[in-house]
Amino acid sequence: MDSPLDTTVAREPITVRCLDDHGRPVSLSARTLGRGSTDLQDLLRRAYAAVRGDCPSETVTISFMEDCEGRLQLEYLVVDRTRPSRWRRTRDRCRAVGIQAALSEATIVVTLAVEAVGVVAAASTAHWSEGDTPDFVNVVLDGARTVRLPGAVRDMLRDETALELLRGTLGMFLDDDVEQLIIGKDRELPGRYQETVVTRSPALVRFLEGAPLASWAGGGPERS
């Protein structure tokens, strides 16, 4: 719970569903929830800090509740621990808008990184190529399929610390025999609800057990 000086200035609701190979909901173990939520929070904080580009005073955190078997209601939150000033209300409102935008962008980066792990892990080879704008890059899979990703996602996939956090975030595929992870956003807004699906595969399991993400042409994911 926030202290009297803490203010939640931005939030992003997320729905997570986990299904077995028959499409039935899976209730996640305490171990998965513990490590997964901690590593997901660290991923979100890294993405948020990269978007903000400075050392913000606000704190990024995650709350979650398992409302029924296999479904988690998450909220990504930004909490401002600075005392608000009644003399700077206009500036504070503008700052809150910027914080919400940064959290929304960080949410997209983390979701796409989770999705990209499942896609890239299933490929035999992968290499990066420049995108059509400075903010995006392409990953070419098996020399044929091209996936367009934000540059921030590439930064995560070539960072060993971020990859380890992604392993922890996706631990349900190892610990709980999950076949599909479904991440939903904006359920309450008609026409805007989106789902991201990550499916279990032998290659994904190998990655989660510590194997490299893919055979990266040109020497590895650290090179563009």
Protein backbone atom coordinates (compact mmCIF):
# COMPACT_ATOMS: atom_id res chain seq x y z
CA MET A 1 0.00 0.00 0.00
CA ASP A 2 1.23 3.51 -0.81
CA SER A 3 2.42 5.70 2.04
CA PRO A 4 0.69 9.10 2.56
CA LEU A 5 3.35 10.71 0.36
CA ASP A 6 3.11 8.08 -2.40
CA THR A 7 0.90 8.74 -5.41
CA THR A 8 0.09 6.27 -8.17
CA VAL A 9 0.48 8.40 -11.28
CA ALA A 10 0.23 5.75 -14.01
CA ARG A 11 -1.14 2.26 -14.39
CA GLU A 12 -1.45 -0.38 -17.11
CA PRO A 13 -3.84 -3.33 -16.54
CA ILE A 14 -2.71 -6.68 -17.93
CA THR A 15 -4.49 -10.06 -18.01
CA VAL A 16 -2.41 -13.24 -18.10
CA ARG A 17 -3.87 -16.68 -18.80
CA CYS A 18 -2.00 -19.98 -18.69
CA LEU A 19 -3.35 -23.07 -20.45
CA ASP A 20 -2.29 -26.73 -20.63
CA ASP A 21 -2.11 -28.80 -23.82
CA HIS A 22 -5.88 -29.38 -23.69
CA GLY A 23 -6.68 -25.68 -23.38
CA ARG A 24 -7.54 -25.95 -19.70
CA PRO A 25 -6.44 -23.25 -17.22
CA VAL A 26 -3.34 -23.92 -15.16
CA SER A 27 -2.95 -22.56 -11.64
CA LEU A 28 0.62 -21.36 -11.24
CA SER A 29 2.84 -22.58 -8.41
CA ALA A 30 4.08 -20.30 -5.65
CA ARG A 31 7.61 -20.67 -7.04
CA THR A 32 6.54 -19.49 -10.50
CA LEU A 33 4.56 -16.57 -9.11
CA GLY A 34 7.40 -15.53 -6.83
CA ARG A 35 10.26 -15.55 -9.32
CA GLY A 36 8.11 -14.61 -12.29
CA SER A 37 6.65 -11.48 -10.71
CA THR A 38 10.05 -10.36 -9.40
CA ASP A 39 11.80 -10.83 -12.75
CA LEU A 40 8.92 -9.29 -14.68
CA GLN A 41 9.06 -6.25 -12.42
CA ASP A 42 12.81 -5.90 -13.03
CA LEU A 43 12.25 -6.17 -16.79
CA LEU A 44 9.58 -3.48 -16.63
CA ARG A 45 11.83 -1.21 -14.59
CA ARG A 46 14.65 -1.59 -17.12
CA ALA A 47 12.31 -0.81 -20.02
CA TYR A 48 10.79 2.16 -18.20
CA ALA A 49 14.17 3.63 -17.31
CA ALA A 50 15.27 3.30 -20.94
CA VAL A 51 12.17 5.16 -22.12
CA ARG A 52 12.53 7.93 -19.54
CA GLY A 53 16.22 8.30 -20.28
CA ASP A 54 17.13 9.66 -16.86
CA CYS A 55 16.96 8.74 -13.16
CA PRO A 56 13.28 9.29 -12.35
CA SER A 57 12.14 9.76 -8.77
CA GLU A 58 9.09 7.57 -9.34
CA THR A 59 9.08 3.82 -8.69
CA VAL A 60 7.79 1.11 -11.03
CA THR A 61 6.07 -1.85 -9.42
CA ILE A 62 3.61 -4.67 -10.19
CA SER A 63 0.56 -5.86 -8.32
CA PHE A 64 -1.24 -9.07 -9.22
CA MET A 65 -4.21 -11.16 -8.16
CA GLU A 66 -5.14 -14.66 -9.32
CA ASP A 67 -8.88 -14.20 -9.77
CA CYS A 68 -9.53 -17.74 -10.96
CA GLU A 69 -7.48 -20.78 -11.96
CA GLY A 70 -4.87 -19.88 -14.52
CA ARG A 71 -5.77 -16.22 -14.86
CA LEU A 72 -3.87 -13.35 -13.28
CA GLN A 73 -4.97 -9.76 -13.17
CA LEU A 74 -1.82 -7.64 -13.20
CA GLU A 75 -1.34 -3.93 -12.88
CA TYR A 76 1.87 -2.21 -13.87
CA LEU A 77 2.12 0.86 -11.65
CA VAL A 78 4.28 3.96 -11.40
CA VAL A 79 4.35 5.38 -7.89
CA ASP A 80 5.66 8.90 -7.31
CA ARG A 81 7.28 9.26 -3.90
CA THR A 82 7.86 13.01 -4.12
CA ARG A 83 5.59 15.38 -2.23
CA PRO A 84 3.18 17.04 -4.71
CA SER A 85 3.22 20.82 -4.85
CA ARG A 86 -0.02 22.76 -5.07
CA TRP A 87 1.92 25.62 -6.69
CA ARG A 88 3.05 23.45 -9.63
CA ARG A 89 -0.16 21.66 -10.55
CA THR A 90 0.05 22.35 -14.28
CA ARG A 91 3.61 21.09 -14.47
CA ASP A 92 2.70 18.06 -12.35
CA ARG A 93 -0.20 17.21 -14.69
CA CYS A 94 2.09 17.41 -17.72
CA ARG A 95 4.63 15.25 -15.95
CA ALA A 96 1.93 12.67 -15.14
CA VAL A 97 1.00 12.50 -18.83
CA GLY A 98 4.65 11.84 -19.70
CA ILE A 99 4.92 9.15 -17.03
CA GLN A 100 1.81 7.37 -18.32
CA ALA A 101 3.18 7.46 -21.87
CA ALA A 102 6.51 6.05 -20.67
CA LEU A 103 4.77 3.23 -18.78
CA SER A 104 2.63 2.39 -21.82
CA GLU A 105 5.71 2.25 -24.04
CA ALA A 106 7.63 0.15 -21.50
CA THR A 107 4.66 -2.25 -21.31
CA ILE A 108 4.76 -2.71 -25.08
CA VAL A 109 8.51 -3.35 -25.02
CA VAL A 110 8.25 -5.99 -22.29
CA THR A 111 5.30 -7.75 -23.94
CA LEU A 112 7.04 -7.83 -27.33
CA ALA A 113 10.25 -9.09 -25.73
CA VAL A 114 8.35 -11.98 -24.13
CA GLU A 115 6.69 -12.76 -27.45
CA ALA A 116 9.97 -12.47 -29.37
CA VAL A 117 11.66 -15.01 -27.10
CA GLY A 118 9.11 -17.64 -28.12
CA VAL A 119 9.48 -16.79 -31.81
CA VAL A 120 13.28 -16.50 -31.92
CA ALA A 121 13.85 -19.60 -29.77
CA ALA A 122 12.05 -21.71 -32.38
CA ALA A 123 14.34 -20.50 -35.18
CA SER A 124 17.53 -22.28 -36.22
CA THR A 125 19.29 -19.05 -37.11
CA ALA A 126 18.63 -15.36 -36.67
CA HIS A 127 20.27 -12.09 -37.57
CA TRP A 128 19.45 -8.42 -37.17
CA SER A 129 18.94 -5.96 -39.99
CA GLU A 130 18.11 -2.28 -39.91
CA GLY A 131 14.44 -1.31 -39.94
CA ASP A 132 12.71 1.36 -41.97
CA THR A 133 12.90 3.88 -39.11
CA PRO A 134 15.59 4.52 -36.48
CA ASP A 135 13.33 3.20 -33.72
CA PHE A 136 12.75 -0.24 -35.27
CA VAL A 137 14.87 -3.15 -36.39
CA ASN A 138 14.18 -6.43 -38.15
CA VAL A 139 15.13 -9.89 -37.00
CA VAL A 140 15.43 -12.35 -39.89
CA LEU A 141 14.63 -15.92 -38.86
CA ASP A 142 16.00 -18.93 -40.76
CA GLY A 143 16.97 -16.60 -43.61
CA ALA A 144 13.35 -16.17 -44.66
CA ARG A 145 10.89 -14.81 -42.09
CA THR A 146 11.30 -11.20 -40.99
CA VAL A 147 9.84 -9.83 -37.75
CA ARG A 148 9.80 -6.08 -37.06
CA LEU A 149 10.63 -5.08 -33.48
CA PRO A 150 11.34 -1.89 -31.56
CA GLY A 151 15.04 -1.27 -31.06
CA ALA A 152 14.46 -1.51 -27.30
CA VAL A 153 13.42 -5.16 -27.71
CA ARG A 154 16.68 -5.90 -29.52
CA ASP A 155 18.53 -4.28 -26.64
CA MET A 156 16.86 -6.74 -24.27
CA LEU A 157 17.52 -9.79 -26.45
CA ARG A 158 21.23 -8.99 -26.67
CA ASP A 159 21.59 -8.32 -22.93
CA GLU A 160 22.43 -11.38 -20.81
CA THR A 161 20.88 -9.91 -17.67
CA ALA A 162 17.61 -9.22 -19.49
CA LEU A 163 17.64 -12.72 -21.00
CA GLU A 164 17.97 -14.22 -17.52
CA LEU A 165 15.04 -12.10 -16.35
CA LEU A 166 13.02 -13.34 -19.32
CA ARG A 167 13.83 -16.91 -18.31
CA GLY A 168 12.44 -16.22 -14.85
CA THR A 169 9.37 -14.48 -16.23
CA LEU A 170 8.56 -17.51 -18.41
CA GLY A 171 9.27 -20.09 -15.71
CA MET A 172 5.71 -21.46 -15.90
CA PHE A 173 6.71 -23.41 -19.02
CA LEU A 174 9.21 -25.36 -16.92
CA ASP A 175 7.59 -25.55 -13.48
CA ASP A 176 3.88 -25.85 -14.26
CA ASP A 177 3.63 -27.65 -17.63
CA VAL A 178 2.04 -24.63 -19.28
CA GLU A 179 1.45 -25.04 -23.02
CA GLN A 180 0.29 -21.50 -23.83
CA LEU A 181 0.79 -18.15 -22.17
CA ILE A 182 -1.75 -15.52 -23.26
CA ILE A 183 -1.12 -11.88 -22.39
CA GLY A 184 -4.08 -9.55 -22.83
CA LYS A 185 -4.24 -5.76 -22.67
CA ASP A 186 -7.09 -3.22 -22.67
CA ARG A 187 -9.85 -5.78 -22.05
CA GLU A 188 -12.24 -3.00 -20.94
CA LEU A 189 -11.85 -0.91 -24.09
CA PRO A 190 -13.93 -2.18 -27.06
CA GLY A 191 -11.91 -2.54 -30.22
CA ARG A 192 -8.56 -2.16 -28.42
CA TYR A 193 -8.14 -5.48 -26.67
CA GLN A 194 -5.03 -7.28 -27.87
CA GLU A 195 -3.60 -10.69 -27.09
CA THR A 196 -0.04 -11.93 -27.29
CA VAL A 197 0.42 -15.71 -27.32
CA VAL A 198 3.60 -17.57 -26.40
CA THR A 199 3.52 -21.33 -27.10
CA ARG A 200 5.67 -23.99 -25.50
CA SER A 201 8.23 -25.59 -27.81
CA PRO A 202 11.30 -27.79 -27.29
CA ALA A 203 13.51 -24.86 -28.32
CA LEU A 204 11.81 -22.52 -25.84
CA VAL A 205 12.30 -25.07 -23.05
CA ARG A 206 15.99 -25.39 -23.94
CA PHE A 207 16.36 -21.61 -23.76
CA LEU A 208 14.63 -21.50 -20.37
CA GLU A 209 17.02 -24.19 -19.16
CA GLY A 210 19.97 -21.98 -20.10
CA ALA A 211 20.68 -22.59 -23.79
CA PRO A 212 21.36 -19.62 -26.12
CA LEU A 213 18.30 -18.01 -27.61
CA ALA A 214 19.23 -18.89 -31.20
CA SER A 215 22.21 -19.35 -33.52
CA TRP A 216 22.88 -15.71 -34.29
CA ALA A 217 24.51 -15.09 -37.66
CA GLY A 218 27.40 -12.67 -37.54
CA GLY A 219 28.67 -13.63 -34.11
CA GLY A 220 25.72 -13.23 -31.75
CA PRO A 221 22.83 -11.01 -30.73
CA GLU A 222 25.15 -8.31 -29.47
CA ARG A 223 25.90 -7.32 -33.04
CA SER A 224 23.45 -5.55 -35.31
